[in-house]
Amino acid sequence: MGAGIFYYKALVDAHVALGVSPRILMVHADVRRVMGHATAREAHELAQYLAGLLDQLARGGAEIAAIPAFAPQVCAAELAAITPLPLVSLLDAILAEIKRRQLRRVALFGARVTMETQMFGRLQNIAIDVVTPRPEEVDHVTDIYVRVVEKARASDEDYNALRSLAHTLIEREKLDAIILAGTDLAFVFNPENTDFPHVDGARVHLKAIMNELVP
């Protein structure tokens, strides 16, 4: 729910900055159900569930839709085939930003499923090296991410730990950037406190959504 609230506020703020009145419909997914399907790689079942939620939005008058979370992207291909609404893809927005900046070597921060699948296989389709952190580092990022998701906020300790690891990885692995591939990482990092090369997946997605809403 924290990610949905973050997206809603960010979209409203972006509309207000442009002097445009926002027209936004929201429906909240059952996070435990989504994470259960994603962890088990049950793409078909998850796509069917999300398509039902998107149908609710379509019947409410929505014309386009976006899913503001990474775990559901495990079923992106299956959902694209049955969605009742055009989707502004989170993964496509990130890939476009990687290509625009000509990044060649990156690592991911996010939920375990996102890191272990290299963003659900999408990064394997472009000319880019994805460095997987060491197993204990993946565990550490996962533990922090789960805690941030549960609390919808980050402590100074969480921020400092992820920031330190980002700098370590960039130096040790000669990375071009860290991909912040978890919507709830927006509670940890923002444009003012992120002092390492990065791609902020949530904020890149928000920009893509606004480009569709206000061309």
Protein backbone atom coordinates (compact mmCIF):
# COMPACT_ATOMS: atom_id res chain seq x y z
CA MET A 1 0.00 0.00 0.00
CA GLY A 2 2.93 2.33 0.70
CA ALA A 3 4.02 2.20 -2.94
CA GLY A 4 0.53 3.08 -4.16
CA ILE A 5 0.37 6.06 -1.82
CA PHE A 6 3.79 7.22 -3.00
CA TYR A 7 2.71 7.03 -6.64
CA TYR A 8 -0.58 8.80 -5.96
CA LYS A 9 1.08 11.71 -4.18
CA ALA A 10 3.81 11.99 -6.79
CA LEU A 11 1.29 12.02 -9.64
CA VAL A 12 -0.88 14.61 -7.93
CA ASP A 13 2.15 16.81 -7.27
CA ALA A 14 3.22 16.49 -10.92
CA HIS A 15 -0.23 17.48 -12.13
CA VAL A 16 -0.39 20.46 -9.79
CA ALA A 17 3.06 21.62 -10.97
CA LEU A 18 1.69 21.67 -14.53
CA GLY A 19 -1.55 23.37 -13.53
CA VAL A 20 -3.58 20.33 -14.55
CA SER A 21 -6.34 18.72 -12.51
CA PRO A 22 -5.53 15.04 -11.82
CA ARG A 23 -8.04 12.32 -12.71
CA ILE A 24 -6.77 9.19 -10.98
CA LEU A 25 -8.47 5.92 -10.10
CA MET A 26 -6.82 3.42 -7.75
CA VAL A 27 -7.45 -0.14 -6.69
CA HIS A 28 -5.28 -1.87 -4.11
CA ALA A 29 -4.07 -5.40 -4.69
CA ASP A 30 -3.71 -7.97 -1.93
CA VAL A 31 0.03 -7.65 -1.32
CA ARG A 32 0.37 -11.09 0.27
CA ARG A 33 -1.38 -12.71 -2.67
CA VAL A 34 0.76 -10.87 -5.20
CA MET A 35 4.00 -11.70 -3.38
CA GLY A 36 2.94 -15.33 -2.98
CA HIS A 37 2.34 -15.72 -6.72
CA ALA A 38 5.51 -13.78 -7.60
CA THR A 39 7.74 -15.78 -5.26
CA ALA A 40 6.33 -19.05 -6.60
CA ARG A 41 6.72 -17.73 -10.19
CA GLU A 42 3.00 -18.34 -10.77
CA ALA A 43 2.80 -15.92 -13.66
CA HIS A 44 -0.51 -17.13 -15.11
CA GLU A 45 -2.36 -16.96 -11.80
CA LEU A 46 -0.95 -13.54 -11.00
CA ALA A 47 -1.82 -12.17 -14.43
CA GLN A 48 -5.41 -13.37 -14.07
CA TYR A 49 -5.71 -11.70 -10.66
CA LEU A 50 -4.25 -8.39 -11.85
CA ALA A 51 -6.38 -8.40 -15.00
CA GLY A 52 -9.43 -8.56 -12.74
CA LEU A 53 -8.28 -5.48 -10.86
CA LEU A 54 -7.54 -3.67 -14.12
CA ASP A 55 -11.05 -4.53 -15.29
CA GLN A 56 -12.42 -2.74 -12.22
CA LEU A 57 -10.46 0.35 -13.25
CA ALA A 58 -11.67 0.10 -16.84
CA ARG A 59 -15.29 -0.10 -15.68
CA GLY A 60 -14.61 2.98 -13.54
CA GLY A 61 -13.61 4.96 -16.63
CA ALA A 62 -9.82 4.57 -16.66
CA GLU A 63 -8.20 4.80 -20.09
CA ILE A 64 -4.64 3.73 -19.26
CA ALA A 65 -3.14 1.96 -16.27
CA ALA A 66 0.13 1.37 -14.45
CA ILE A 67 1.19 -1.15 -11.83
CA PRO A 68 3.43 0.66 -9.32
CA ALA A 69 5.35 -2.35 -8.04
CA PHE A 70 8.12 -4.63 -9.21
CA ALA A 71 7.04 -8.06 -7.95
CA PRO A 72 3.97 -8.18 -10.27
CA GLN A 73 6.28 -7.71 -13.26
CA VAL A 74 7.05 -11.43 -13.07
CA CYS A 75 3.85 -11.85 -15.12
CA ALA A 76 4.34 -8.85 -17.42
CA ALA A 77 4.18 -10.87 -20.64
CA GLU A 78 1.13 -12.85 -19.55
CA LEU A 79 -0.67 -9.74 -18.33
CA ALA A 80 0.06 -7.80 -21.52
CA ALA A 81 -1.87 -10.44 -23.47
CA ILE A 82 -5.07 -10.11 -21.41
CA THR A 83 -5.09 -6.61 -19.91
CA PRO A 84 -8.30 -4.64 -20.56
CA LEU A 85 -6.31 -1.37 -20.47
CA PRO A 86 -3.11 -0.14 -22.12
CA LEU A 87 -0.31 -0.36 -19.55
CA VAL A 88 2.53 2.08 -18.96
CA SER A 89 5.22 -0.51 -18.33
CA LEU A 90 7.54 -0.09 -15.37
CA LEU A 91 10.16 -2.36 -16.92
CA ASP A 92 10.01 -0.65 -20.32
CA ALA A 93 10.50 2.73 -18.66
CA ILE A 94 13.65 1.50 -16.90
CA LEU A 95 15.05 -0.13 -20.03
CA ALA A 96 14.48 3.08 -21.97
CA GLU A 97 16.40 5.04 -19.32
CA ILE A 98 19.28 2.54 -19.34
CA LYS A 99 19.52 2.83 -23.11
CA ARG A 100 19.23 6.63 -23.03
CA ARG A 101 22.14 6.87 -20.60
CA GLN A 102 24.09 4.12 -22.40
CA LEU A 103 24.73 2.20 -19.19
CA ARG A 104 26.72 -1.00 -19.67
CA ARG A 105 27.32 -2.50 -16.23
CA VAL A 106 24.84 -2.33 -13.36
CA ALA A 107 23.61 -4.04 -10.20
CA LEU A 108 20.10 -4.19 -8.78
CA PHE A 109 18.65 -3.28 -5.41
CA GLY A 110 15.15 -4.55 -4.67
CA ALA A 111 13.20 -7.59 -3.57
CA ARG A 112 14.96 -10.96 -3.82
CA VAL A 113 12.86 -12.10 -6.78
CA THR A 114 13.75 -8.93 -8.69
CA MET A 115 17.47 -9.27 -8.05
CA GLU A 116 17.68 -13.02 -8.63
CA THR A 117 15.79 -12.86 -11.96
CA GLN A 118 17.70 -9.79 -13.18
CA MET A 119 14.48 -7.79 -13.31
CA PHE A 120 12.45 -10.77 -14.52
CA GLY A 121 14.81 -11.50 -17.39
CA ARG A 122 14.31 -8.17 -19.09
CA LEU A 123 17.91 -7.03 -18.59
CA GLN A 124 19.12 -10.18 -20.34
CA ASN A 125 17.58 -8.94 -23.57
CA ILE A 126 19.79 -5.88 -23.92
CA ALA A 127 23.56 -5.41 -24.21
CA ILE A 128 24.27 -4.88 -20.53
CA ASP A 129 26.22 -6.68 -17.81
CA VAL A 130 24.21 -7.25 -14.63
CA VAL A 131 26.37 -7.92 -11.59
CA THR A 132 24.74 -9.97 -8.85
CA PRO A 133 25.92 -8.93 -5.38
CA ARG A 134 27.46 -11.61 -3.18
CA PRO A 135 24.92 -13.94 -1.48
CA GLU A 136 25.30 -12.26 1.90
CA GLU A 137 24.82 -8.87 0.24
CA VAL A 138 21.64 -10.06 -1.49
CA ASP A 139 20.40 -11.27 1.90
CA HIS A 140 21.19 -7.90 3.46
CA VAL A 141 19.39 -5.92 0.76
CA THR A 142 16.42 -8.29 0.98
CA ASP A 143 16.14 -7.95 4.75
CA ILE A 144 16.22 -4.15 4.55
CA TYR A 145 13.74 -4.05 1.67
CA VAL A 146 11.24 -6.27 3.45
CA ARG A 147 11.50 -4.07 6.53
CA VAL A 148 10.95 -0.90 4.52
CA VAL A 149 7.94 -2.41 2.73
CA GLU A 150 6.37 -3.44 6.03
CA LYS A 151 6.88 -0.05 7.67
CA ALA A 152 6.48 2.18 4.57
CA ARG A 153 9.49 4.14 5.79
CA ALA A 154 13.24 3.74 6.19
CA SER A 155 15.43 4.33 9.20
CA ASP A 156 18.76 6.15 9.07
CA GLU A 157 20.38 2.75 9.59
CA ASP A 158 18.60 1.33 6.53
CA TYR A 159 19.66 4.29 4.40
CA ASN A 160 23.27 4.20 5.55
CA ALA A 161 23.55 0.45 5.00
CA LEU A 162 22.22 0.56 1.43
CA ARG A 163 24.18 3.69 0.59
CA SER A 164 27.41 2.09 1.85
CA LEU A 165 26.76 -1.10 -0.11
CA ALA A 166 26.01 0.89 -3.27
CA HIS A 167 29.34 2.68 -3.03
CA THR A 168 31.12 -0.62 -2.32
CA LEU A 169 29.57 -2.33 -5.34
CA ILE A 170 30.23 0.57 -7.69
CA GLU A 171 33.89 0.64 -6.74
CA ARG A 172 34.48 -3.10 -6.45
CA GLU A 173 32.54 -4.14 -9.56
CA LYS A 174 33.26 -1.05 -11.69
CA LEU A 175 29.56 -0.35 -12.16
CA ASP A 176 28.00 2.43 -14.19
CA ALA A 177 24.99 2.59 -11.87
CA ILE A 178 22.79 0.89 -9.31
CA ILE A 179 19.25 0.19 -10.52
CA LEU A 180 16.80 0.96 -7.69
CA ALA A 181 14.40 -1.79 -8.71
CA GLY A 182 11.95 -1.59 -5.85
CA THR A 183 9.18 0.96 -5.54
CA ASP A 184 9.53 1.13 -1.77
CA LEU A 185 13.15 2.20 -2.16
CA ALA A 186 11.61 5.62 -2.75
CA PHE A 187 11.23 5.68 1.03
CA VAL A 188 15.01 5.25 1.31
CA PHE A 189 16.44 7.31 -1.53
CA ASN A 190 15.42 10.58 -3.15
CA PRO A 191 17.14 12.96 -5.58
CA GLU A 192 18.71 14.87 -2.70
CA ASN A 193 20.26 12.03 -0.69
CA THR A 194 21.35 9.63 -3.45
CA ASP A 195 25.05 10.34 -3.93
CA PHE A 196 25.92 7.46 -6.26
CA PRO A 197 25.14 6.81 -9.95
CA HIS A 198 21.70 5.24 -10.12
CA VAL A 199 18.46 4.72 -12.01
CA ASP A 200 15.45 5.28 -9.76
CA GLY A 201 12.92 2.84 -11.20
CA ALA A 202 9.84 4.29 -9.52
CA ARG A 203 10.58 7.88 -10.47
CA VAL A 204 11.48 6.93 -14.06
CA HIS A 205 8.14 5.12 -14.25
CA LEU A 206 6.28 8.12 -12.88
CA LYS A 207 7.82 10.31 -15.57
CA ALA A 208 6.69 7.84 -18.23
CA ILE A 209 3.16 7.85 -16.80
CA MET A 210 3.04 11.64 -16.87
CA ASN A 211 4.25 11.65 -20.47
CA GLU A 212 1.22 9.51 -21.35
CA LEU A 213 -1.24 11.55 -19.28
CA VAL A 214 0.00 14.99 -20.26
CA PRO A 215 1.77 14.72 -23.65
